[in-house]
Structure formats: C-alpha cells, structure tokens
PDB file of all heavy atoms in Angstrom:
ATOM      1  N   ASP A   1      -6.933   1.461   2.247  1.00  0.00           N
ATOM      2  CA  ASP A   1      -6.575   0.043   2.238  1.00  0.00           C
ATOM      3  C   ASP A   1      -5.070  -0.065   2.371  1.00  0.00           C
ATOM      4  O   ASP A   1      -4.340   0.986   2.242  1.00  0.00           O
ATOM      5  CB  ASP A   1      -7.014  -0.602   0.912  1.00  0.00           C
ATOM      6  CG  ASP A   1      -7.217  -2.115   0.994  1.00  0.00           C
ATOM      7  OD1 ASP A   1      -6.886  -2.660   2.121  1.00  0.00           O
ATOM      8  OD2 ASP A   1      -7.764  -2.712   0.081  1.00  0.00           O
ATOM      9  N   GLY A   2      -4.580  -1.231   2.652  1.00  0.00           N
ATOM     10  CA  GLY A   2      -3.156  -1.453   2.827  1.00  0.00           C
ATOM     11  C   GLY A   2      -2.882  -2.945   3.010  1.00  0.00           C
ATOM     12  O   GLY A   2      -3.830  -3.721   3.224  1.00  0.00           O
ATOM     13  N   ASP A   3      -1.604  -3.321   3.000  1.00  0.00           N
ATOM     14  CA  ASP A   3      -1.248  -4.688   3.223  1.00  0.00           C
ATOM     15  C   ASP A   3      -0.715  -4.863   4.656  1.00  0.00           C
ATOM     16  O   ASP A   3      -0.461  -3.907   5.366  1.00  0.00           O
ATOM     17  CB  ASP A   3      -0.208  -5.147   2.219  1.00  0.00           C
ATOM     18  CG  ASP A   3       1.050  -4.331   2.200  1.00  0.00           C
ATOM     19  OD1 ASP A   3       1.258  -3.439   3.055  1.00  0.00           O
ATOM     20  OD2 ASP A   3       1.835  -4.581   1.267  1.00  0.00           O
ATOM     21  N   HIS A   4      -0.648  -6.135   5.087  1.00  0.00           N
ATOM     22  CA  HIS A   4      -0.089  -6.365   6.401  1.00  0.00           C
ATOM     23  C   HIS A   4       1.446  -6.056   6.383  1.00  0.00           C
ATOM     24  O   HIS A   4       2.092  -6.222   5.352  1.00  0.00           O
ATOM     25  CB  HIS A   4      -0.253  -7.886   6.720  1.00  0.00           C
ATOM     26  CG  HIS A   4      -1.706  -8.307   6.785  1.00  0.00           C
ATOM     27  ND1 HIS A   4      -2.650  -7.735   7.607  1.00  0.00           N
ATOM     28  CD2 HIS A   4      -2.356  -9.268   6.099  1.00  0.00           C
ATOM     29  CE1 HIS A   4      -3.797  -8.326   7.417  1.00  0.00           C
ATOM     30  NE2 HIS A   4      -3.692  -9.258   6.495  1.00  0.00           N
ATOM     31  N   VAL A   5       1.969  -5.728   7.537  1.00  0.00           N
ATOM     32  CA  VAL A   5       3.370  -5.515   7.636  1.00  0.00           C
ATOM     33  C   VAL A   5       4.018  -6.843   7.309  1.00  0.00           C
ATOM     34  O   VAL A   5       3.588  -7.956   7.720  1.00  0.00           O
ATOM     35  CB  VAL A   5       3.798  -4.972   9.047  1.00  0.00           C
ATOM     36  CG1 VAL A   5       5.288  -4.846   9.167  1.00  0.00           C
ATOM     37  CG2 VAL A   5       3.028  -3.731   9.383  1.00  0.00           C
ATOM     38  N   HIS A   6       5.124  -6.807   6.555  1.00  0.00           N
ATOM     39  CA  HIS A   6       5.882  -7.972   6.096  1.00  0.00           C
ATOM     40  C   HIS A   6       7.348  -7.667   6.069  1.00  0.00           C
ATOM     41  O   HIS A   6       7.755  -6.516   6.056  1.00  0.00           O
ATOM     42  CB  HIS A   6       5.347  -8.422   4.793  1.00  0.00           C
ATOM     43  CG  HIS A   6       5.402  -7.384   3.702  1.00  0.00           C
ATOM     44  ND1 HIS A   6       4.432  -6.363   3.564  1.00  0.00           N
ATOM     45  CD2 HIS A   6       6.374  -7.098   2.766  1.00  0.00           C
ATOM     46  CE1 HIS A   6       4.797  -5.592   2.634  1.00  0.00           C
ATOM     47  NE2 HIS A   6       5.914  -5.982   2.063  1.00  0.00           N
ATOM     48  N   VAL A   7       8.201  -8.677   6.067  1.00  0.00           N
ATOM     49  CA  VAL A   7       9.655  -8.493   5.925  1.00  0.00           C
ATOM     50  C   VAL A   7       9.900  -8.430   4.405  1.00  0.00           C
ATOM     51  O   VAL A   7       9.476  -9.374   3.663  1.00  0.00           O
ATOM     52  CB  VAL A   7      10.434  -9.596   6.553  1.00  0.00           C
ATOM     53  CG1 VAL A   7      11.952  -9.364   6.297  1.00  0.00           C
ATOM     54  CG2 VAL A   7      10.225  -9.543   8.079  1.00  0.00           C
ATOM     55  N   SER A   8      10.486  -7.330   3.896  1.00  0.00           N
ATOM     56  CA  SER A   8      10.703  -7.231   2.475  1.00  0.00           C
ATOM     57  C   SER A   8      11.716  -8.267   1.934  1.00  0.00           C
ATOM     58  O   SER A   8      12.448  -8.868   2.666  1.00  0.00           O
ATOM     59  CB  SER A   8      11.269  -5.825   2.103  1.00  0.00           C
ATOM     60  OG  SER A   8      12.525  -5.625   2.827  1.00  0.00           O
ATOM     61  N   SER A   9      11.593  -8.582   0.693  1.00  0.00           N
ATOM     62  CA  SER A   9      12.413  -9.695   0.104  1.00  0.00           C
ATOM     63  C   SER A   9      13.789  -9.288  -0.239  1.00  0.00           C
ATOM     64  O   SER A   9      14.667 -10.149  -0.517  1.00  0.00           O
ATOM     65  CB  SER A   9      11.636 -10.224  -1.178  1.00  0.00           C
ATOM     66  OG  SER A   9      11.520  -9.160  -2.065  1.00  0.00           O
ATOM     67  N   THR A  10      14.099  -7.994  -0.237  1.00  0.00           N
ATOM     68  CA  THR A  10      15.458  -7.559  -0.594  1.00  0.00           C
ATOM     69  C   THR A  10      16.263  -7.154   0.721  1.00  0.00           C
ATOM     70  O   THR A  10      15.692  -6.581   1.616  1.00  0.00           O
ATOM     71  CB  THR A  10      15.380  -6.358  -1.537  1.00  0.00           C
ATOM     72  OG1 THR A  10      14.680  -5.305  -0.883  1.00  0.00           O
ATOM     73  CG2 THR A  10      14.763  -6.715  -2.879  1.00  0.00           C
ATOM     74  N   PRO A  11      17.500  -7.525   0.726  1.00  0.00           N
ATOM     75  CA  PRO A  11      18.315  -7.227   1.934  1.00  0.00           C
ATOM     76  C   PRO A  11      18.549  -5.784   2.068  1.00  0.00           C
ATOM     77  O   PRO A  11      18.526  -5.021   1.001  1.00  0.00           O
ATOM     78  CB  PRO A  11      19.677  -7.981   1.689  1.00  0.00           C
ATOM     79  CG  PRO A  11      19.484  -8.766   0.453  1.00  0.00           C
ATOM     80  CD  PRO A  11      18.263  -8.363  -0.259  1.00  0.00           C
ATOM     81  N   PRO A  12      18.765  -5.218   3.228  1.00  0.00           N
ATOM     82  CA  PRO A  12      18.714  -5.948   4.487  1.00  0.00           C
ATOM     83  C   PRO A  12      17.290  -6.250   4.905  1.00  0.00           C
ATOM     84  O   PRO A  12      16.380  -5.657   4.423  1.00  0.00           O
ATOM     85  CB  PRO A  12      19.421  -4.953   5.500  1.00  0.00           C
ATOM     86  CG  PRO A  12      19.001  -3.605   4.951  1.00  0.00           C
ATOM     87  CD  PRO A  12      19.072  -3.772   3.421  1.00  0.00           C
ATOM     88  N   ALA A  13      17.163  -7.130   5.875  1.00  0.00           N
ATOM     89  CA  ALA A  13      15.758  -7.466   6.415  1.00  0.00           C
ATOM     90  C   ALA A  13      15.091  -6.224   6.915  1.00  0.00           C
ATOM     91  O   ALA A  13      15.667  -5.526   7.755  1.00  0.00           O
ATOM     92  CB  ALA A  13      15.857  -8.563   7.488  1.00  0.00           C
ATOM     93  N   THR A  14      13.944  -5.922   6.352  1.00  0.00           N
ATOM     94  CA  THR A  14      13.257  -4.677   6.675  1.00  0.00           C
ATOM     95  C   THR A  14      11.796  -4.984   6.758  1.00  0.00           C
ATOM     96  O   THR A  14      11.181  -5.598   5.911  1.00  0.00           O
ATOM     97  CB  THR A  14      13.520  -3.704   5.579  1.00  0.00           C
ATOM     98  OG1 THR A  14      14.882  -3.471   5.344  1.00  0.00           O
ATOM     99  CG2 THR A  14      12.818  -2.330   5.831  1.00  0.00           C
ATOM    100  N   ALA A  15      11.143  -4.471   7.863  1.00  0.00           N
ATOM    101  CA  ALA A  15       9.679  -4.483   8.013  1.00  0.00           C
ATOM    102  C   ALA A  15       9.127  -3.434   7.095  1.00  0.00           C
ATOM    103  O   ALA A  15       9.608  -2.314   7.056  1.00  0.00           O
ATOM    104  CB  ALA A  15       9.272  -4.225   9.453  1.00  0.00           C
ATOM    105  N   SER A  16       8.109  -3.761   6.328  1.00  0.00           N
ATOM    106  CA  SER A  16       7.528  -2.866   5.377  1.00  0.00           C
ATOM    107  C   SER A  16       5.982  -2.917   5.321  1.00  0.00           C
ATOM    108  O   SER A  16       5.477  -4.043   5.555  1.00  0.00           O
ATOM    109  CB  SER A  16       8.112  -3.267   3.982  1.00  0.00           C
ATOM    110  OG  SER A  16       7.604  -2.403   2.925  1.00  0.00           O
ATOM    111  N   GLY A  17       5.413  -1.775   5.175  1.00  0.00           N
ATOM    112  CA  GLY A  17       3.937  -1.790   5.048  1.00  0.00           C
ATOM    113  C   GLY A  17       3.566  -0.695   4.027  1.00  0.00           C
ATOM    114  O   GLY A  17       4.221   0.332   3.940  1.00  0.00           O
ATOM    115  N   HIS A  18       2.484  -1.005   3.274  1.00  0.00           N
ATOM    116  CA  HIS A  18       2.011  -0.070   2.266  1.00  0.00           C
ATOM    117  C   HIS A  18       0.633   0.424   2.522  1.00  0.00           C
ATOM    118  O   HIS A  18      -0.131  -0.355   3.098  1.00  0.00           O
ATOM    119  CB  HIS A  18       2.035  -0.771   0.913  1.00  0.00           C
ATOM    120  CG  HIS A  18       3.360  -1.282   0.446  1.00  0.00           C
ATOM    121  ND1 HIS A  18       3.756  -2.571   0.789  1.00  0.00           N
ATOM    122  CD2 HIS A  18       4.421  -0.697  -0.144  1.00  0.00           C
ATOM    123  CE1 HIS A  18       5.000  -2.756   0.300  1.00  0.00           C
ATOM    124  NE2 HIS A  18       5.426  -1.627  -0.266  1.00  0.00           N
ATOM    125  N   GLY A  19       0.295   1.559   2.049  1.00  0.00           N
ATOM    126  CA  GLY A  19      -1.091   2.070   2.233  1.00  0.00           C
ATOM    127  C   GLY A  19      -1.483   2.770   0.949  1.00  0.00           C
ATOM    128  O   GLY A  19      -0.691   3.350   0.215  1.00  0.00           O
ATOM    129  N   TRP A  20      -2.787   2.677   0.600  1.00  0.00           N
ATOM    130  CA  TRP A  20      -3.321   3.262  -0.590  1.00  0.00           C
ATOM    131  C   TRP A  20      -4.754   3.587  -0.479  1.00  0.00           C
ATOM    132  O   TRP A  20      -5.347   3.281   0.593  1.00  0.00           O
ATOM    133  CB  TRP A  20      -3.059   2.392  -1.847  1.00  0.00           C
ATOM    134  CG  TRP A  20      -3.723   0.997  -1.761  1.00  0.00           C
ATOM    135  CD1 TRP A  20      -4.974   0.711  -2.013  1.00  0.00           C
ATOM    136  CD2 TRP A  20      -3.104  -0.141  -1.277  1.00  0.00           C
ATOM    137  NE1 TRP A  20      -5.217  -0.640  -1.814  1.00  0.00           N
ATOM    138  CE2 TRP A  20      -4.056  -1.205  -1.293  1.00  0.00           C
ATOM    139  CE3 TRP A  20      -1.810  -0.459  -0.819  1.00  0.00           C
ATOM    140  CZ2 TRP A  20      -3.777  -2.534  -0.943  1.00  0.00           C
ATOM    141  CZ3 TRP A  20      -1.524  -1.799  -0.418  1.00  0.00           C
ATOM    142  CH2 TRP A  20      -2.513  -2.796  -0.480  1.00  0.00           C
ATOM    143  N   TRP A  21      -5.376   4.160  -1.452  1.00  0.00           N
ATOM    144  CA  TRP A  21      -6.830   4.374  -1.385  1.00  0.00           C
ATOM    145  C   TRP A  21      -7.485   4.001  -2.741  1.00  0.00           C
ATOM    146  O   TRP A  21      -6.819   3.959  -3.770  1.00  0.00           O
ATOM    147  CB  TRP A  21      -7.143   5.839  -0.966  1.00  0.00           C
ATOM    148  CG  TRP A  21      -6.735   6.868  -1.968  1.00  0.00           C
ATOM    149  CD1 TRP A  21      -5.501   7.311  -2.288  1.00  0.00           C
ATOM    150  CD2 TRP A  21      -7.639   7.766  -2.724  1.00  0.00           C
ATOM    151  NE1 TRP A  21      -5.526   8.379  -3.216  1.00  0.00           N
ATOM    152  CE2 TRP A  21      -6.849   8.601  -3.521  1.00  0.00           C
ATOM    153  CE3 TRP A  21      -9.006   7.791  -2.916  1.00  0.00           C
ATOM    154  CZ2 TRP A  21      -7.420   9.565  -4.339  1.00  0.00           C
ATOM    155  CZ3 TRP A  21      -9.544   8.693  -3.747  1.00  0.00           C
ATOM    156  CH2 TRP A  21      -8.731   9.575  -4.465  1.00  0.00           C
ATOM    157  N   MET A  22      -8.719   3.669  -2.630  1.00  0.00           N
ATOM    158  CA  MET A  22      -9.499   3.254  -3.755  1.00  0.00           C
ATOM    159  C   MET A  22     -10.688   4.173  -3.972  1.00  0.00           C
ATOM    160  O   MET A  22     -11.216   4.679  -2.956  1.00  0.00           O
ATOM    161  CB  MET A  22      -9.985   1.793  -3.652  1.00  0.00           C
ATOM    162  CG  MET A  22      -8.840   0.785  -3.400  1.00  0.00           C
ATOM    163  SD  MET A  22      -7.580   0.691  -4.654  1.00  0.00           S
ATOM    164  CE  MET A  22      -8.450  -0.213  -5.864  1.00  0.00           C
ATOM    165  N   ASP A  23     -11.113   4.400  -5.193  1.00  0.00           N
ATOM    166  CA  ASP A  23     -12.232   5.234  -5.526  1.00  0.00           C
ATOM    167  C   ASP A  23     -13.246   4.426  -6.337  1.00  0.00           C
ATOM    168  O   ASP A  23     -13.316   4.526  -7.520  1.00  0.00           O
ATOM    169  CB  ASP A  23     -11.766   6.441  -6.310  1.00  0.00           C
ATOM    170  CG  ASP A  23     -12.849   7.450  -6.739  1.00  0.00           C
ATOM    171  OD1 ASP A  23     -13.886   7.392  -6.085  1.00  0.00           O
ATOM    172  OD2 ASP A  23     -12.648   8.212  -7.594  1.00  0.00           O
ATOM    173  N   PRO A  24     -14.030   3.553  -5.604  1.00  0.00           N
ATOM    174  CA  PRO A  24     -14.920   2.566  -6.347  1.00  0.00           C
ATOM    175  C   PRO A  24     -15.968   3.205  -7.187  1.00  0.00           C
ATOM    176  O   PRO A  24     -16.418   2.561  -8.176  1.00  0.00           O
ATOM    177  CB  PRO A  24     -15.535   1.767  -5.217  1.00  0.00           C
ATOM    178  CG  PRO A  24     -15.349   2.583  -3.977  1.00  0.00           C
ATOM    179  CD  PRO A  24     -14.130   3.452  -4.182  1.00  0.00           C
ATOM    180  N   LEU A  25     -16.343   4.428  -6.944  1.00  0.00           N
ATOM    181  CA  LEU A  25     -17.426   5.066  -7.770  1.00  0.00           C
ATOM    182  C   LEU A  25     -16.871   6.022  -8.816  1.00  0.00           C
ATOM    183  O   LEU A  25     -17.530   6.566  -9.608  1.00  0.00           O
ATOM    184  CB  LEU A  25     -18.444   5.787  -6.882  1.00  0.00           C
ATOM    185  CG  LEU A  25     -19.182   4.911  -5.906  1.00  0.00           C
ATOM    186  CD1 LEU A  25     -20.132   5.763  -5.093  1.00  0.00           C
ATOM    187  CD2 LEU A  25     -19.996   3.913  -6.668  1.00  0.00           C
ATOM    188  N   GLY A  26     -15.541   6.228  -8.775  1.00  0.00           N
ATOM    189  CA  GLY A  26     -14.880   7.108  -9.694  1.00  0.00           C
ATOM    190  C   GLY A  26     -15.259   8.572  -9.499  1.00  0.00           C
ATOM    191  O   GLY A  26     -15.214   9.393 -10.439  1.00  0.00           O
ATOM    192  N   LYS A  27     -15.581   8.972  -8.272  1.00  0.00           N
ATOM    193  CA  LYS A  27     -15.978  10.328  -7.995  1.00  0.00           C
ATOM    194  C   LYS A  27     -14.809  11.253  -7.776  1.00  0.00           C
ATOM    195  O   LYS A  27     -14.955  12.479  -7.713  1.00  0.00           O
ATOM    196  CB  LYS A  27     -16.925  10.370  -6.769  1.00  0.00           C
ATOM    197  CG  LYS A  27     -18.256   9.726  -7.026  1.00  0.00           C
ATOM    198  CD  LYS A  27     -19.172   9.989  -5.855  1.00  0.00           C
ATOM    199  CE  LYS A  27     -20.576   9.454  -6.213  1.00  0.00           C
ATOM    200  NZ  LYS A  27     -21.599   9.968  -5.384  1.00  0.00           N
ATOM    201  N   HIS A  28     -13.588  10.657  -7.706  1.00  0.00           N
ATOM    202  CA  HIS A  28     -12.421  11.537  -7.356  1.00  0.00           C
ATOM    203  C   HIS A  28     -11.351  11.273  -8.394  1.00  0.00           C
ATOM    204  O   HIS A  28     -10.165  11.096  -7.986  1.00  0.00           O
ATOM    205  CB  HIS A  28     -11.941  11.207  -5.975  1.00  0.00           C
ATOM    206  CG  HIS A  28     -12.983  11.266  -4.868  1.00  0.00           C
ATOM    207  ND1 HIS A  28     -13.525  12.478  -4.468  1.00  0.00           N
ATOM    208  CD2 HIS A  28     -13.650  10.356  -4.179  1.00  0.00           C
ATOM    209  CE1 HIS A  28     -14.475  12.310  -3.530  1.00  0.00           C
ATOM    210  NE2 HIS A  28     -14.517  11.000  -3.324  1.00  0.00           N
ATOM    211  N   LYS A  29     -11.655  11.238  -9.613  1.00  0.00           N
ATOM    212  CA  LYS A  29     -10.706  10.792 -10.684  1.00  0.00           C
ATOM    213  C   LYS A  29      -9.488  11.715 -10.781  1.00  0.00           C
ATOM    214  O   LYS A  29      -8.377  11.200 -11.057  1.00  0.00           O
ATOM    215  CB  LYS A  29     -11.381  10.811 -12.057  1.00  0.00           C
ATOM    216  CG  LYS A  29     -12.358   9.638 -12.188  1.00  0.00           C
ATOM    217  CD  LYS A  29     -13.005   9.561 -13.516  1.00  0.00           C
ATOM    218  CE  LYS A  29     -14.003   8.421 -13.536  1.00  0.00           C
ATOM    219  NZ  LYS A  29     -14.609   8.232 -14.810  1.00  0.00           N
ATOM    220  N   ASN A  30      -9.577  12.991 -10.557  1.00  0.00           N
ATOM    221  CA  ASN A  30      -8.462  13.856 -10.718  1.00  0.00           C
ATOM    222  C   ASN A  30      -7.874  14.352  -9.317  1.00  0.00           C
ATOM    223  O   ASN A  30      -7.185  15.340  -9.264  1.00  0.00           O
ATOM    224  CB  ASN A  30      -8.814  15.085 -11.555  1.00  0.00           C
ATOM    225  CG  ASN A  30      -9.100  14.635 -12.954  1.00  0.00           C
ATOM    226  OD1 ASN A  30      -8.391  13.791 -13.554  1.00  0.00           O
ATOM    227  ND2 ASN A  30     -10.187  15.104 -13.540  1.00  0.00           N
ATOM    228  N   VAL A  31      -8.268  13.658  -8.308  1.00  0.00           N
ATOM    229  CA  VAL A  31      -7.846  14.006  -6.960  1.00  0.00           C
ATOM    230  C   VAL A  31      -6.665  13.205  -6.452  1.00  0.00           C
ATOM    231  O   VAL A  31      -6.599  11.977  -6.697  1.00  0.00           O
ATOM    232  CB  VAL A  31      -9.008  13.801  -6.004  1.00  0.00           C
ATOM    233  CG1 VAL A  31      -8.657  14.111  -4.548  1.00  0.00           C
ATOM    234  CG2 VAL A  31     -10.232  14.690  -6.371  1.00  0.00           C
TER     235      VAL A  31
END
C-alpha cells in the first residue's frame, strides 16, 4: 500500500510518496 504523491508541507517544496505493507492475517509478525 502507499499514498498518492503529494507536495510535502515543509519547505522546500518537495514531491513525496510513501510505501508500506500490511499483514491482515498476522502471518508475518516478526518479518
């Protein structure tokens, strides 16, 4: 998962994007 690219709120103006992962069943707790 991740968010849409956006301009960060702190100067200087910067395009920013984040990515992450979710483990909905909890099968990878220590991974």
